[in-house]
Amino acid sequence: MMVKSNKRRMVKRKNRKVSLSRVLLAVLGSLGSAVIIYIFFFTTAFELREVRLHGGRYLPADSLQPVADRYIGSNVFMVPLSELGSRLMAHSQVYQADFRRRPLHRIDCYIQERVPVALLALEKMTAVDDEGVLLLNGETEWEVDLPVITGISLKETGTEAGKKMITNSLKVLRLLKEFDFSPAQQLSEIHIDGEDILLVWMSEGTIVQLGRSDYLDRVRKFRAVYSALQEDGEFPEFIDLRFDRQVVIR
């Protein structure tokens, strides 16, 4: 009986030690969690001190930095990157913004901007990208060798008809590049006349009338005619490509 009683006492002591160890571990765990929470939320250990912007060849200096800097002083891990991205992409020239959190006080932002391919001659010169998005930042100085799209008003750019005009003009611009023309060197103007598109060739001053449809076929014909005219060394004042199986030259 004494042996059994001693065994029971030993078991109780072990259980007490295990219970005390568990309690101690729980207390230490809680204290540790409290310290981590305190450091994370209530100290400057993870304070955001810099949002570094990368990219943006055409974006004017400091145009986006104030948007990013509004988050300075926040916890670097608590900054809502989707919200910050949306604020940056509200700028017409920003296509996409990607982020990397850098320990312990910085966020790097990689800007992918909308690149202008032409200028719209509105009340003032306004750049447009390949998707037809107007880049409406008046502080930007655009390259002067971009082709100019004329014949459309600012009011028309907000209408379906106006958007179609711009889309067709950009389609023609892409086709010219595909057929090895250099718009920056050769094309002075894309003029919209109702639904018709006309090109003004820079060095020769030749007017090229494409019309309102079948742009692929008409640019292909222009490529063939242009090569022949280059060989002759003479360019006419007017080339009409609107007719099937023929080119009118005056």
C-alpha atoms as a PDB file:
ATOM      1  CA  MET A   1       0.000   0.000   0.000  1.00  0.00           C
ATOM      2  CA  MET A   2       2.894   2.353   0.769  1.00  0.00           C
ATOM      3  CA  VAL A   3       4.364   1.734  -2.670  1.00  0.00           C
ATOM      4  CA  LYS A   4       1.117   2.618  -4.421  1.00  0.00           C
ATOM      5  CA  SER A   5       0.751   5.756  -2.296  1.00  0.00           C
ATOM      6  CA  ASN A   6       4.279   6.909  -3.186  1.00  0.00           C
ATOM      7  CA  LYS A   7       3.632   6.313  -6.880  1.00  0.00           C
ATOM      8  CA  ARG A   8       0.486   8.399  -6.714  1.00  0.00           C
ATOM      9  CA  ARG A   9       2.397  11.263  -5.034  1.00  0.00           C
ATOM     10  CA  MET A  10       5.088  11.091  -7.698  1.00  0.00           C
ATOM     11  CA  VAL A  11       2.483  11.202 -10.473  1.00  0.00           C
ATOM     12  CA  LYS A  12       0.787  14.208  -8.855  1.00  0.00           C
ATOM     13  CA  ARG A  13       4.126  16.035  -8.570  1.00  0.00           C
ATOM     14  CA  LYS A  14       4.893  15.356 -12.236  1.00  0.00           C
ATOM     15  CA  ASN A  15       1.448  16.576 -13.232  1.00  0.00           C
ATOM     16  CA  ARG A  16       1.966  19.745 -11.189  1.00  0.00           C
ATOM     17  CA  LYS A  17       5.342  20.342 -12.878  1.00  0.00           C
ATOM     18  CA  VAL A  18       3.807  19.810 -16.319  1.00  0.00           C
ATOM     19  CA  SER A  19       0.916  22.147 -15.468  1.00  0.00           C
ATOM     20  CA  LEU A  20       3.285  24.802 -14.122  1.00  0.00           C
ATOM     21  CA  SER A  21       5.460  24.476 -17.258  1.00  0.00           C
ATOM     22  CA  ARG A  22       2.448  24.889 -19.498  1.00  0.00           C
ATOM     23  CA  VAL A  23       1.248  27.908 -17.551  1.00  0.00           C
ATOM     24  CA  LEU A  24       4.726  29.430 -17.677  1.00  0.00           C
ATOM     25  CA  LEU A  25       4.990  28.820 -21.414  1.00  0.00           C
ATOM     26  CA  ALA A  26       1.547  30.321 -21.967  1.00  0.00           C
ATOM     27  CA  VAL A  27       2.470  33.400 -19.914  1.00  0.00           C
ATOM     28  CA  LEU A  28       5.774  33.792 -21.778  1.00  0.00           C
ATOM     29  CA  GLY A  29       3.967  33.298 -25.082  1.00  0.00           C
ATOM     30  CA  SER A  30       1.425  35.956 -24.212  1.00  0.00           C
ATOM     31  CA  LEU A  31       4.142  38.338 -23.099  1.00  0.00           C
ATOM     32  CA  GLY A  32       6.088  37.660 -26.285  1.00  0.00           C
ATOM     33  CA  SER A  33       3.007  38.283 -28.415  1.00  0.00           C
ATOM     34  CA  ALA A  34       2.275  41.474 -26.535  1.00  0.00           C
ATOM     35  CA  VAL A  35       5.855  42.691 -27.071  1.00  0.00           C
ATOM     36  CA  ILE A  36       5.677  41.866 -30.810  1.00  0.00           C
ATOM     37  CA  ILE A  37       2.301  43.597 -31.155  1.00  0.00           C
ATOM     38  CA  TYR A  38       3.609  46.618 -29.289  1.00  0.00           C
ATOM     39  CA  ILE A  39       6.732  46.848 -31.461  1.00  0.00           C
ATOM     40  CA  PHE A  40       4.738  46.276 -34.668  1.00  0.00           C
ATOM     41  CA  PHE A  41       1.948  48.776 -34.024  1.00  0.00           C
ATOM     42  CA  PHE A  42       3.185  51.294 -31.463  1.00  0.00           C
ATOM     43  CA  THR A  43       6.835  51.961 -32.291  1.00  0.00           C
ATOM     44  CA  THR A  44       8.708  53.285 -35.323  1.00  0.00           C
ATOM     45  CA  ALA A  45      10.460  49.957 -35.943  1.00  0.00           C
ATOM     46  CA  PHE A  46       8.391  49.399 -39.113  1.00  0.00           C
ATOM     47  CA  GLU A  47       7.555  53.001 -39.935  1.00  0.00           C
ATOM     48  CA  LEU A  48       7.400  53.803 -43.662  1.00  0.00           C
ATOM     49  CA  ARG A  49       9.948  56.506 -44.380  1.00  0.00           C
ATOM     50  CA  GLU A  50      10.249  56.395 -48.147  1.00  0.00           C
ATOM     51  CA  VAL A  51       8.219  55.392 -51.208  1.00  0.00           C
ATOM     52  CA  ARG A  52      10.704  55.175 -54.049  1.00  0.00           C
ATOM     53  CA  LEU A  53       9.271  55.505 -57.572  1.00  0.00           C
ATOM     54  CA  HIS A  54      10.981  53.766 -60.489  1.00  0.00           C
ATOM     55  CA  GLY A  55      10.266  54.311 -64.192  1.00  0.00           C
ATOM     56  CA  GLY A  56       8.281  57.093 -65.748  1.00  0.00           C
ATOM     57  CA  ARG A  57      10.298  58.458 -68.660  1.00  0.00           C
ATOM     58  CA  TYR A  58       7.612  60.951 -69.676  1.00  0.00           C
ATOM     59  CA  LEU A  59       6.110  61.629 -66.268  1.00  0.00           C
ATOM     60  CA  PRO A  60       7.156  65.055 -64.982  1.00  0.00           C
ATOM     61  CA  ALA A  61       9.211  65.096 -61.816  1.00  0.00           C
ATOM     62  CA  ASP A  62       7.195  65.137 -58.593  1.00  0.00           C
ATOM     63  CA  SER A  63       3.872  64.526 -60.345  1.00  0.00           C
ATOM     64  CA  LEU A  64       3.283  61.250 -58.475  1.00  0.00           C
ATOM     65  CA  GLN A  65       5.518  61.600 -55.421  1.00  0.00           C
ATOM     66  CA  PRO A  66       2.967  63.583 -53.366  1.00  0.00           C
ATOM     67  CA  VAL A  67       0.416  60.787 -53.922  1.00  0.00           C
ATOM     68  CA  ALA A  68       2.865  58.208 -52.588  1.00  0.00           C
ATOM     69  CA  ASP A  69       4.185  60.366 -49.743  1.00  0.00           C
ATOM     70  CA  ARG A  70       0.769  60.609 -48.101  1.00  0.00           C
ATOM     71  CA  TYR A  71       1.456  57.136 -46.659  1.00  0.00           C
ATOM     72  CA  ILE A  72       4.753  58.154 -45.045  1.00  0.00           C
ATOM     73  CA  GLY A  73       4.631  57.440 -41.305  1.00  0.00           C
ATOM     74  CA  SER A  74       2.314  54.435 -41.697  1.00  0.00           C
ATOM     75  CA  ASN A  75       3.385  50.905 -40.839  1.00  0.00           C
ATOM     76  CA  VAL A  76       5.261  49.645 -43.891  1.00  0.00           C
ATOM     77  CA  PHE A  77       3.407  46.319 -43.749  1.00  0.00           C
ATOM     78  CA  MET A  78      -0.003  47.910 -43.282  1.00  0.00           C
ATOM     79  CA  VAL A  79       0.037  50.263 -46.271  1.00  0.00           C
ATOM     80  CA  PRO A  80      -2.828  49.172 -48.597  1.00  0.00           C
ATOM     81  CA  LEU A  81      -0.914  48.661 -51.838  1.00  0.00           C
ATOM     82  CA  SER A  82      -4.066  48.179 -53.909  1.00  0.00           C
ATOM     83  CA  GLU A  83      -5.343  51.561 -52.729  1.00  0.00           C
ATOM     84  CA  LEU A  84      -1.980  53.209 -53.394  1.00  0.00           C
ATOM     85  CA  GLY A  85      -1.914  51.615 -56.859  1.00  0.00           C
ATOM     86  CA  SER A  86      -5.394  52.915 -57.648  1.00  0.00           C
ATOM     87  CA  ARG A  87      -4.409  56.433 -56.611  1.00  0.00           C
ATOM     88  CA  LEU A  88      -1.317  56.345 -58.816  1.00  0.00           C
ATOM     89  CA  MET A  89      -3.203  54.888 -61.789  1.00  0.00           C
ATOM     90  CA  ALA A  90      -5.729  57.708 -61.551  1.00  0.00           C
ATOM     91  CA  HIS A  91      -3.009  59.689 -63.304  1.00  0.00           C
ATOM     92  CA  SER A  92      -3.739  59.356 -67.030  1.00  0.00           C
ATOM     93  CA  GLN A  93      -0.125  58.514 -67.874  1.00  0.00           C
ATOM     94  CA  VAL A  94       0.177  55.568 -65.459  1.00  0.00           C
ATOM     95  CA  TYR A  95      -0.761  52.202 -66.950  1.00  0.00           C
ATOM     96  CA  GLN A  96       0.258  49.980 -64.047  1.00  0.00           C
ATOM     97  CA  ALA A  97       2.037  50.191 -60.695  1.00  0.00           C
ATOM     98  CA  ASP A  98       3.754  47.245 -58.954  1.00  0.00           C
ATOM     99  CA  PHE A  99       5.158  47.317 -55.437  1.00  0.00           C
ATOM    100  CA  ARG A 100       7.827  45.667 -53.278  1.00  0.00           C
ATOM    101  CA  ARG A 101       8.031  46.190 -49.520  1.00  0.00           C
ATOM    102  CA  ARG A 102      11.673  46.630 -48.456  1.00  0.00           C
ATOM    103  CA  PRO A 103      12.715  46.050 -44.835  1.00  0.00           C
ATOM    104  CA  LEU A 104      12.188  47.926 -42.805  1.00  0.00           C
ATOM    105  CA  HIS A 105      11.171  51.408 -43.880  1.00  0.00           C
ATOM    106  CA  ARG A 106      10.714  51.554 -47.676  1.00  0.00           C
ATOM    107  CA  ILE A 107       8.333  50.602 -50.461  1.00  0.00           C
ATOM    108  CA  ASP A 108       9.588  50.470 -54.044  1.00  0.00           C
ATOM    109  CA  CYS A 109       7.024  51.311 -56.723  1.00  0.00           C
ATOM    110  CA  TYR A 110       7.674  50.293 -60.327  1.00  0.00           C
ATOM    111  CA  ILE A 111       5.691  52.476 -62.721  1.00  0.00           C
ATOM    112  CA  GLN A 112       4.661  51.249 -66.153  1.00  0.00           C
ATOM    113  CA  GLU A 113       3.518  54.324 -68.015  1.00  0.00           C
ATOM    114  CA  ARG A 114       1.436  54.892 -71.086  1.00  0.00           C
ATOM    115  CA  VAL A 115       3.791  55.816 -73.903  1.00  0.00           C
ATOM    116  CA  PRO A 116       2.587  58.486 -76.370  1.00  0.00           C
ATOM    117  CA  VAL A 117       2.534  57.525 -80.054  1.00  0.00           C
ATOM    118  CA  ALA A 118       0.911  60.665 -81.471  1.00  0.00           C
ATOM    119  CA  LEU A 119      -0.271  64.141 -80.554  1.00  0.00           C
ATOM    120  CA  LEU A 120      -3.846  65.351 -80.893  1.00  0.00           C
ATOM    121  CA  ALA A 121      -4.153  68.953 -82.051  1.00  0.00           C
ATOM    122  CA  LEU A 122      -6.915  70.020 -79.667  1.00  0.00           C
ATOM    123  CA  GLU A 123      -7.064  73.371 -77.863  1.00  0.00           C
ATOM    124  CA  LYS A 124      -3.529  72.426 -76.902  1.00  0.00           C
ATOM    125  CA  MET A 125      -1.346  69.518 -78.005  1.00  0.00           C
ATOM    126  CA  THR A 126      -2.466  66.389 -76.138  1.00  0.00           C
ATOM    127  CA  ALA A 127      -0.635  63.081 -76.358  1.00  0.00           C
ATOM    128  CA  VAL A 128      -2.436  59.785 -76.976  1.00  0.00           C
ATOM    129  CA  ASP A 129      -1.116  56.267 -76.405  1.00  0.00           C
ATOM    130  CA  ASP A 130      -1.486  53.179 -78.593  1.00  0.00           C
ATOM    131  CA  GLU A 131      -4.820  52.281 -76.936  1.00  0.00           C
ATOM    132  CA  GLY A 132      -6.319  55.688 -77.657  1.00  0.00           C
ATOM    133  CA  VAL A 133      -6.071  56.961 -74.065  1.00  0.00           C
ATOM    134  CA  LEU A 134      -5.568  60.718 -73.866  1.00  0.00           C
ATOM    135  CA  LEU A 135      -2.639  61.645 -71.625  1.00  0.00           C
ATOM    136  CA  LEU A 136      -4.061  64.749 -70.055  1.00  0.00           C
ATOM    137  CA  ASN A 137      -1.175  66.004 -67.962  1.00  0.00           C
ATOM    138  CA  GLY A 138      -0.433  69.535 -69.102  1.00  0.00           C
ATOM    139  CA  GLU A 139       2.956  69.606 -67.345  1.00  0.00           C
ATOM    140  CA  THR A 140       4.535  67.025 -69.642  1.00  0.00           C
ATOM    141  CA  GLU A 141       6.742  68.129 -72.499  1.00  0.00           C
ATOM    142  CA  TRP A 142       6.264  65.665 -75.340  1.00  0.00           C
ATOM    143  CA  GLU A 143       8.751  64.819 -78.043  1.00  0.00           C
ATOM    144  CA  VAL A 144       8.259  67.094 -81.038  1.00  0.00           C
ATOM    145  CA  ASP A 145       8.717  64.343 -83.633  1.00  0.00           C
ATOM    146  CA  LEU A 146       5.479  62.553 -82.790  1.00  0.00           C
ATOM    147  CA  PRO A 147       2.910  62.502 -85.641  1.00  0.00           C
ATOM    148  CA  VAL A 148       0.047  64.965 -85.186  1.00  0.00           C
ATOM    149  CA  ILE A 149      -3.617  63.959 -85.542  1.00  0.00           C
ATOM    150  CA  THR A 150      -5.763  66.872 -86.696  1.00  0.00           C
ATOM    151  CA  GLY A 151      -9.413  67.433 -87.577  1.00  0.00           C
ATOM    152  CA  ILE A 152     -10.940  66.419 -84.228  1.00  0.00           C
ATOM    153  CA  SER A 153     -12.097  68.654 -81.370  1.00  0.00           C
ATOM    154  CA  LEU A 154     -11.801  68.127 -77.633  1.00  0.00           C
ATOM    155  CA  LYS A 155     -15.584  67.723 -77.411  1.00  0.00           C
ATOM    156  CA  GLU A 156     -15.525  64.984 -80.050  1.00  0.00           C
ATOM    157  CA  THR A 157     -12.922  62.955 -78.143  1.00  0.00           C
ATOM    158  CA  GLY A 158     -15.602  62.148 -75.574  1.00  0.00           C
ATOM    159  CA  THR A 159     -18.058  60.763 -78.149  1.00  0.00           C
ATOM    160  CA  GLU A 160     -18.186  57.307 -79.725  1.00  0.00           C
ATOM    161  CA  ALA A 161     -17.647  58.840 -83.169  1.00  0.00           C
ATOM    162  CA  GLY A 162     -14.616  60.747 -81.927  1.00  0.00           C
ATOM    163  CA  LYS A 163     -13.138  57.677 -80.244  1.00  0.00           C
ATOM    164  CA  LYS A 164     -13.588  55.757 -83.495  1.00  0.00           C
ATOM    165  CA  MET A 165     -11.739  58.511 -85.379  1.00  0.00           C
ATOM    166  CA  ILE A 166      -8.809  58.252 -82.984  1.00  0.00           C
ATOM    167  CA  THR A 167      -8.839  54.430 -83.089  1.00  0.00           C
ATOM    168  CA  ASN A 168      -8.759  54.420 -86.900  1.00  0.00           C
ATOM    169  CA  SER A 169      -5.937  56.966 -86.951  1.00  0.00           C
ATOM    170  CA  LEU A 170      -3.881  54.838 -84.583  1.00  0.00           C
ATOM    171  CA  LYS A 171      -4.648  51.741 -86.651  1.00  0.00           C
ATOM    172  CA  VAL A 172      -3.218  53.507 -89.705  1.00  0.00           C
ATOM    173  CA  LEU A 173      -0.184  54.569 -87.684  1.00  0.00           C
ATOM    174  CA  ARG A 174       0.486  50.963 -86.620  1.00  0.00           C
ATOM    175  CA  LEU A 175       0.131  49.755 -90.228  1.00  0.00           C
ATOM    176  CA  LEU A 176       2.620  52.341 -91.447  1.00  0.00           C
ATOM    177  CA  LYS A 177       5.142  51.035 -88.935  1.00  0.00           C
ATOM    178  CA  GLU A 178       4.445  47.434 -89.980  1.00  0.00           C
ATOM    179  CA  PHE A 179       5.177  48.394 -93.603  1.00  0.00           C
ATOM    180  CA  ASP A 180       8.550  49.882 -92.602  1.00  0.00           C
ATOM    181  CA  PHE A 181       7.602  53.532 -92.750  1.00  0.00           C
ATOM    182  CA  SER A 182       9.127  55.713 -90.071  1.00  0.00           C
ATOM    183  CA  PRO A 183       6.314  58.028 -88.946  1.00  0.00           C
ATOM    184  CA  ALA A 184       8.688  60.148 -86.878  1.00  0.00           C
ATOM    185  CA  GLN A 185      10.727  60.988 -89.995  1.00  0.00           C
ATOM    186  CA  GLN A 186       8.194  60.757 -92.825  1.00  0.00           C
ATOM    187  CA  LEU A 187       4.700  61.442 -91.508  1.00  0.00           C
ATOM    188  CA  SER A 188       3.818  65.006 -90.651  1.00  0.00           C
ATOM    189  CA  GLU A 189       0.087  64.720 -90.023  1.00  0.00           C
ATOM    190  CA  ILE A 190      -2.860  62.341 -89.897  1.00  0.00           C
ATOM    191  CA  HIS A 191      -5.884  64.422 -90.791  1.00  0.00           C
ATOM    192  CA  ILE A 192      -9.448  63.337 -90.021  1.00  0.00           C
ATOM    193  CA  ASP A 193     -12.019  64.665 -92.478  1.00  0.00           C
ATOM    194  CA  GLY A 194     -15.407  63.348 -91.375  1.00  0.00           C
ATOM    195  CA  GLU A 195     -14.826  59.602 -91.502  1.00  0.00           C
ATOM    196  CA  ASP A 196     -12.002  59.853 -94.039  1.00  0.00           C
ATOM    197  CA  ILE A 197      -8.329  59.729 -93.131  1.00  0.00           C
ATOM    198  CA  LEU A 198      -5.661  61.647 -95.037  1.00  0.00           C
ATOM    199  CA  LEU A 199      -1.911  61.580 -94.530  1.00  0.00           C
ATOM    200  CA  VAL A 200       0.422  64.502 -95.018  1.00  0.00           C
ATOM    201  CA  TRP A 201       3.858  63.220 -95.998  1.00  0.00           C
ATOM    202  CA  MET A 202       6.509  65.366 -94.372  1.00  0.00           C
ATOM    203  CA  SER A 203       9.376  65.950 -96.817  1.00  0.00           C
ATOM    204  CA  GLU A 204       7.331  65.908-100.031  1.00  0.00           C
ATOM    205  CA  GLY A 205       4.150  67.564 -98.727  1.00  0.00           C
ATOM    206  CA  THR A 206       2.142  64.894-100.528  1.00  0.00           C
ATOM    207  CA  ILE A 207      -1.490  64.368 -99.477  1.00  0.00           C
ATOM    208  CA  VAL A 208      -2.401  60.667 -99.282  1.00  0.00           C
ATOM    209  CA  GLN A 209      -6.117  59.903 -99.066  1.00  0.00           C
ATOM    210  CA  LEU A 210      -6.881  56.564 -97.398  1.00  0.00           C
ATOM    211  CA  GLY A 211     -10.628  56.909 -96.992  1.00  0.00           C
ATOM    212  CA  ARG A 212     -12.625  55.292 -94.208  1.00  0.00           C
ATOM    213  CA  SER A 213     -11.997  51.532 -94.449  1.00  0.00           C
ATOM    214  CA  ASP A 214      -9.743  48.741 -95.765  1.00  0.00           C
ATOM    215  CA  TYR A 215      -6.690  50.412 -94.277  1.00  0.00           C
ATOM    216  CA  LEU A 216      -4.490  47.333 -94.545  1.00  0.00           C
ATOM    217  CA  ASP A 217      -5.026  47.060 -98.309  1.00  0.00           C
ATOM    218  CA  ARG A 218      -4.589  50.799 -98.818  1.00  0.00           C
ATOM    219  CA  VAL A 219      -1.377  51.070 -96.835  1.00  0.00           C
ATOM    220  CA  ARG A 220      -0.066  48.050 -98.742  1.00  0.00           C
ATOM    221  CA  LYS A 221      -0.833  49.848-102.023  1.00  0.00           C
ATOM    222  CA  PHE A 222       0.828  52.980-100.702  1.00  0.00           C
ATOM    223  CA  ARG A 223       3.957  51.003 -99.886  1.00  0.00           C
ATOM    224  CA  ALA A 224       4.160  49.763-103.476  1.00  0.00           C
ATOM    225  CA  VAL A 225       3.480  53.199-104.973  1.00  0.00           C
ATOM    226  CA  TYR A 226       5.924  54.879-102.601  1.00  0.00           C
ATOM    227  CA  SER A 227       8.751  52.541-103.609  1.00  0.00           C
ATOM    228  CA  ALA A 228       8.111  53.270-107.288  1.00  0.00           C
ATOM    229  CA  LEU A 229       8.001  57.031-106.661  1.00  0.00           C
ATOM    230  CA  GLN A 230      11.249  56.862-104.715  1.00  0.00           C
ATOM    231  CA  GLU A 231      12.944  55.212-107.690  1.00  0.00           C
ATOM    232  CA  ASP A 232      11.678  57.984-110.007  1.00  0.00           C
ATOM    233  CA  GLY A 233      12.637  60.645-107.499  1.00  0.00           C
ATOM    234  CA  GLU A 234       9.360  62.527-107.969  1.00  0.00           C
ATOM    235  CA  PHE A 235       6.355  62.783-105.657  1.00  0.00           C
ATOM    236  CA  PRO A 236       2.926  64.120-106.678  1.00  0.00           C
ATOM    237  CA  GLU A 237       0.819  66.533-104.699  1.00  0.00           C
ATOM    238  CA  PHE A 238      -2.005  64.018-104.184  1.00  0.00           C
ATOM    239  CA  ILE A 239      -2.350  60.223-104.010  1.00  0.00           C
ATOM    240  CA  ASP A 240      -5.851  58.712-103.776  1.00  0.00           C
ATOM    241  CA  LEU A 241      -5.941  55.096-102.561  1.00  0.00           C
ATOM    242  CA  ARG A 242      -9.694  54.729-102.072  1.00  0.00           C
ATOM    243  CA  PHE A 243     -10.425  52.812-105.274  1.00  0.00           C
ATOM    244  CA  ASP A 244     -10.115  49.071-105.770  1.00  0.00           C
ATOM    245  CA  ARG A 245      -7.291  47.918-108.015  1.00  0.00           C
ATOM    246  CA  GLN A 246      -6.142  51.415-108.874  1.00  0.00           C
ATOM    247  CA  VAL A 247      -4.286  54.385-107.489  1.00  0.00           C
ATOM    248  CA  VAL A 248      -5.110  57.935-108.578  1.00  0.00           C
ATOM    249  CA  ILE A 249      -2.117  60.277-108.696  1.00  0.00           C
ATOM    250  CA  ARG A 250      -2.312  63.998-109.394  1.00  0.00           C
END
